[in-house]
Amino acid sequence: MGQAIFFNMTSMPLTLEVNGALNSPETIDPMPSTQPYTPNHSTGVYKRYNTDDPQSGQFGTTNTVLYVLDSGAGGKVGVTVDVSFTAYSANQDLLFFLFKEACVATCLSDNNAYLGHSGDTIVMSPTGSGLRL
């Protein structure tokens, strides 16, 4: 079973909430300022399920991702993420890179990266209408 994994790419701590009240918010530490510069990631487990109605700890076909930087002082980003399970089956990990003003989603099975700013819907489908990098 694949997972959705979230990486903090900023110099500020962030609070992450996946699918609203279904998952308790978690804090992800900022990107280290010294080598090896490996970004910190979510510790919560967001298992992938082919469902439009994800339950607690699940990442389904339609999801909400909200993160607040530095207790609100650094701003916040909220995106909807629609995942094509034809392109990205439930056994594949999805990676989310959280930046100050945007979220980038990808899967290691291809070279597509999908960009979303606050209020956007990221459509993770090679033939979809999402903003692709």
C-alpha atoms as a PDB file:
ATOM      1  CA  MET A   1       0.000   0.000   0.000  1.00  0.00           C
ATOM      2  CA  GLY A   2       1.413   3.370  -1.031  1.00  0.00           C
ATOM      3  CA  GLN A   3       1.461   6.536   1.045  1.00  0.00           C
ATOM      4  CA  ALA A   4       1.292  10.284   0.647  1.00  0.00           C
ATOM      5  CA  ILE A   5       4.460  11.822   2.114  1.00  0.00           C
ATOM      6  CA  PHE A   6       4.861  15.569   2.744  1.00  0.00           C
ATOM      7  CA  PHE A   7       8.223  17.403   2.811  1.00  0.00           C
ATOM      8  CA  ASN A   8       8.796  20.860   4.331  1.00  0.00           C
ATOM      9  CA  MET A   9      10.946  22.804   1.847  1.00  0.00           C
ATOM     10  CA  THR A  10      10.901  26.061   3.819  1.00  0.00           C
ATOM     11  CA  SER A  11      13.044  27.597   6.556  1.00  0.00           C
ATOM     12  CA  MET A  12      10.002  27.731   8.868  1.00  0.00           C
ATOM     13  CA  PRO A  13       8.193  25.051  10.858  1.00  0.00           C
ATOM     14  CA  LEU A  14       4.811  24.202   9.363  1.00  0.00           C
ATOM     15  CA  THR A  15       1.607  22.675  10.639  1.00  0.00           C
ATOM     16  CA  LEU A  16       0.062  20.209   8.183  1.00  0.00           C
ATOM     17  CA  GLU A  17      -3.567  19.116   8.035  1.00  0.00           C
ATOM     18  CA  VAL A  18      -4.642  16.467   5.518  1.00  0.00           C
ATOM     19  CA  ASN A  19      -8.337  15.995   4.682  1.00  0.00           C
ATOM     20  CA  GLY A  20      -9.657  18.454   7.238  1.00  0.00           C
ATOM     21  CA  ALA A  21     -10.575  17.252  10.671  1.00  0.00           C
ATOM     22  CA  LEU A  22      -9.955  13.637   9.701  1.00  0.00           C
ATOM     23  CA  ASN A  23      -6.281  13.826  10.607  1.00  0.00           C
ATOM     24  CA  SER A  24      -4.841  15.668  13.583  1.00  0.00           C
ATOM     25  CA  PRO A  25      -2.540  18.484  12.529  1.00  0.00           C
ATOM     26  CA  GLU A  26       1.142  17.645  12.729  1.00  0.00           C
ATOM     27  CA  THR A  27       4.183  19.908  12.805  1.00  0.00           C
ATOM     28  CA  ILE A  28       7.019  19.367  10.349  1.00  0.00           C
ATOM     29  CA  ASP A  29      10.354  20.955  11.231  1.00  0.00           C
ATOM     30  CA  PRO A  30      11.989  23.394   8.777  1.00  0.00           C
ATOM     31  CA  MET A  31      14.562  22.421   6.189  1.00  0.00           C
ATOM     32  CA  PRO A  32      17.979  22.053   7.873  1.00  0.00           C
ATOM     33  CA  SER A  33      20.355  24.972   7.322  1.00  0.00           C
ATOM     34  CA  THR A  34      23.427  22.727   7.365  1.00  0.00           C
ATOM     35  CA  GLN A  35      24.480  19.686   5.386  1.00  0.00           C
ATOM     36  CA  PRO A  36      23.100  17.254   4.354  1.00  0.00           C
ATOM     37  CA  TYR A  37      20.081  19.604   3.750  1.00  0.00           C
ATOM     38  CA  THR A  38      17.656  16.678   3.755  1.00  0.00           C
ATOM     39  CA  PRO A  39      14.132  18.074   4.133  1.00  0.00           C
ATOM     40  CA  ASN A  40      12.032  16.949   7.072  1.00  0.00           C
ATOM     41  CA  HIS A  41       8.852  15.056   6.258  1.00  0.00           C
ATOM     42  CA  SER A  42       5.507  14.121   7.742  1.00  0.00           C
ATOM     43  CA  THR A  43       5.473  11.460  10.420  1.00  0.00           C
ATOM     44  CA  GLY A  44       1.767  10.799  10.014  1.00  0.00           C
ATOM     45  CA  VAL A  45       0.874   7.835   7.823  1.00  0.00           C
ATOM     46  CA  TYR A  46      -1.489   8.750   4.990  1.00  0.00           C
ATOM     47  CA  LYS A  47      -2.207   5.436   3.240  1.00  0.00           C
ATOM     48  CA  ARG A  48      -3.568   5.621  -0.287  1.00  0.00           C
ATOM     49  CA  TYR A  49      -7.073   4.343  -0.998  1.00  0.00           C
ATOM     50  CA  ASN A  50      -9.188   4.549  -4.135  1.00  0.00           C
ATOM     51  CA  THR A  51     -12.060   6.393  -2.481  1.00  0.00           C
ATOM     52  CA  ASP A  52     -13.770   9.765  -2.848  1.00  0.00           C
ATOM     53  CA  ASP A  53     -14.462   9.776   0.892  1.00  0.00           C
ATOM     54  CA  PRO A  54     -11.098   9.258   2.669  1.00  0.00           C
ATOM     55  CA  GLN A  55     -11.272   8.336   6.335  1.00  0.00           C
ATOM     56  CA  SER A  56      -8.768   9.177   9.063  1.00  0.00           C
ATOM     57  CA  GLY A  57      -5.202   8.420   7.936  1.00  0.00           C
ATOM     58  CA  GLN A  58      -6.232   7.892   4.308  1.00  0.00           C
ATOM     59  CA  PHE A  59      -5.321   9.736   1.111  1.00  0.00           C
ATOM     60  CA  GLY A  60      -8.025   9.139  -1.476  1.00  0.00           C
ATOM     61  CA  THR A  61      -8.984  10.351  -4.932  1.00  0.00           C
ATOM     62  CA  THR A  62     -10.022  13.836  -3.729  1.00  0.00           C
ATOM     63  CA  ASN A  63      -8.113  15.362  -0.825  1.00  0.00           C
ATOM     64  CA  THR A  64      -7.496  18.652   0.933  1.00  0.00           C
ATOM     65  CA  VAL A  65      -4.028  19.693   2.035  1.00  0.00           C
ATOM     66  CA  LEU A  66      -3.623  22.743   4.265  1.00  0.00           C
ATOM     67  CA  TYR A  67      -0.418  23.948   5.841  1.00  0.00           C
ATOM     68  CA  VAL A  68       0.363  26.968   7.971  1.00  0.00           C
ATOM     69  CA  LEU A  69       3.916  28.316   8.174  1.00  0.00           C
ATOM     70  CA  ASP A  70       5.462  29.560  11.414  1.00  0.00           C
ATOM     71  CA  SER A  71       2.137  29.634  13.328  1.00  0.00           C
ATOM     72  CA  GLY A  72       0.623  31.836  10.613  1.00  0.00           C
ATOM     73  CA  ALA A  73       3.407  34.437  10.456  1.00  0.00           C
ATOM     74  CA  GLY A  74       4.728  32.839   7.244  1.00  0.00           C
ATOM     75  CA  GLY A  75       1.330  32.462   5.602  1.00  0.00           C
ATOM     76  CA  LYS A  76      -0.711  29.427   4.657  1.00  0.00           C
ATOM     77  CA  VAL A  77      -1.393  27.329   1.588  1.00  0.00           C
ATOM     78  CA  GLY A  78      -4.470  25.211   0.954  1.00  0.00           C
ATOM     79  CA  VAL A  79      -4.914  23.020  -2.122  1.00  0.00           C
ATOM     80  CA  THR A  80      -7.243  20.278  -3.282  1.00  0.00           C
ATOM     81  CA  VAL A  81      -5.506  17.234  -4.741  1.00  0.00           C
ATOM     82  CA  ASP A  82      -7.374  15.013  -7.211  1.00  0.00           C
ATOM     83  CA  VAL A  83      -5.520  11.762  -7.930  1.00  0.00           C
ATOM     84  CA  SER A  84      -6.099   9.553 -10.975  1.00  0.00           C
ATOM     85  CA  PHE A  85      -5.857   5.985  -9.697  1.00  0.00           C
ATOM     86  CA  THR A  86      -5.540   4.826 -13.304  1.00  0.00           C
ATOM     87  CA  ALA A  87      -2.243   6.715 -13.570  1.00  0.00           C
ATOM     88  CA  TYR A  88      -1.166   6.406  -9.923  1.00  0.00           C
ATOM     89  CA  SER A  89      -2.388   3.173  -8.352  1.00  0.00           C
ATOM     90  CA  ALA A  90      -2.801   2.807  -4.592  1.00  0.00           C
ATOM     91  CA  ASN A  91       0.486   0.907  -4.253  1.00  0.00           C
ATOM     92  CA  GLN A  92       2.552   3.936  -5.388  1.00  0.00           C
ATOM     93  CA  ASP A  93       3.893   6.618  -3.047  1.00  0.00           C
ATOM     94  CA  LEU A  94       2.970  10.232  -3.771  1.00  0.00           C
ATOM     95  CA  LEU A  95       5.445  12.920  -2.738  1.00  0.00           C
ATOM     96  CA  PHE A  96       4.432  16.474  -1.816  1.00  0.00           C
ATOM     97  CA  PHE A  97       6.973  19.284  -1.567  1.00  0.00           C
ATOM     98  CA  LEU A  98       5.563  22.143   0.510  1.00  0.00           C
ATOM     99  CA  PHE A  99       6.958  25.594  -0.315  1.00  0.00           C
ATOM    100  CA  LYS A 100       6.073  29.030   1.060  1.00  0.00           C
ATOM    101  CA  GLU A 101       3.602  29.851  -1.705  1.00  0.00           C
ATOM    102  CA  ALA A 102       2.986  26.576  -3.529  1.00  0.00           C
ATOM    103  CA  CYS A 103       2.769  22.813  -3.304  1.00  0.00           C
ATOM    104  CA  VAL A 104       4.423  20.471  -5.814  1.00  0.00           C
ATOM    105  CA  ALA A 105       3.090  16.908  -6.121  1.00  0.00           C
ATOM    106  CA  THR A 106       4.794  14.027  -7.889  1.00  0.00           C
ATOM    107  CA  CYS A 107       5.098  10.256  -8.102  1.00  0.00           C
ATOM    108  CA  LEU A 108       8.358   8.438  -8.747  1.00  0.00           C
ATOM    109  CA  SER A 109       6.720   6.277 -11.429  1.00  0.00           C
ATOM    110  CA  ASP A 110       6.980   9.066 -14.036  1.00  0.00           C
ATOM    111  CA  ASN A 111       8.580  12.460 -14.585  1.00  0.00           C
ATOM    112  CA  ASN A 112       5.436  14.538 -14.038  1.00  0.00           C
ATOM    113  CA  ALA A 113       5.304  17.191 -11.336  1.00  0.00           C
ATOM    114  CA  TYR A 114       2.106  19.084 -10.576  1.00  0.00           C
ATOM    115  CA  LEU A 115       2.081  22.610  -9.153  1.00  0.00           C
ATOM    116  CA  GLY A 116      -0.638  24.235  -7.087  1.00  0.00           C
ATOM    117  CA  HIS A 117      -0.872  27.606  -5.362  1.00  0.00           C
ATOM    118  CA  SER A 118      -3.301  28.306  -2.529  1.00  0.00           C
ATOM    119  CA  GLY A 119      -6.870  27.792  -3.706  1.00  0.00           C
ATOM    120  CA  ASP A 120      -5.839  25.637  -6.693  1.00  0.00           C
ATOM    121  CA  THR A 121      -6.846  22.089  -7.495  1.00  0.00           C
ATOM    122  CA  ILE A 122      -3.902  19.881  -8.380  1.00  0.00           C
ATOM    123  CA  VAL A 123      -5.042  17.220 -10.860  1.00  0.00           C
ATOM    124  CA  MET A 124      -2.559  14.362 -10.724  1.00  0.00           C
ATOM    125  CA  SER A 125      -3.183  12.773 -14.106  1.00  0.00           C
ATOM    126  CA  PRO A 126      -0.865  12.750 -17.130  1.00  0.00           C
ATOM    127  CA  THR A 127      -3.854  13.753 -19.277  1.00  0.00           C
ATOM    128  CA  GLY A 128      -5.474  16.000 -16.686  1.00  0.00           C
ATOM    129  CA  SER A 129      -5.877  19.748 -16.612  1.00  0.00           C
ATOM    130  CA  GLY A 130      -3.626  20.331 -13.589  1.00  0.00           C
ATOM    131  CA  LEU A 131      -0.724  22.728 -13.722  1.00  0.00           C
ATOM    132  CA  ARG A 132       2.203  20.553 -14.755  1.00  0.00           C
ATOM    133  CA  LEU A 133       5.829  21.572 -14.507  1.00  0.00           C
END
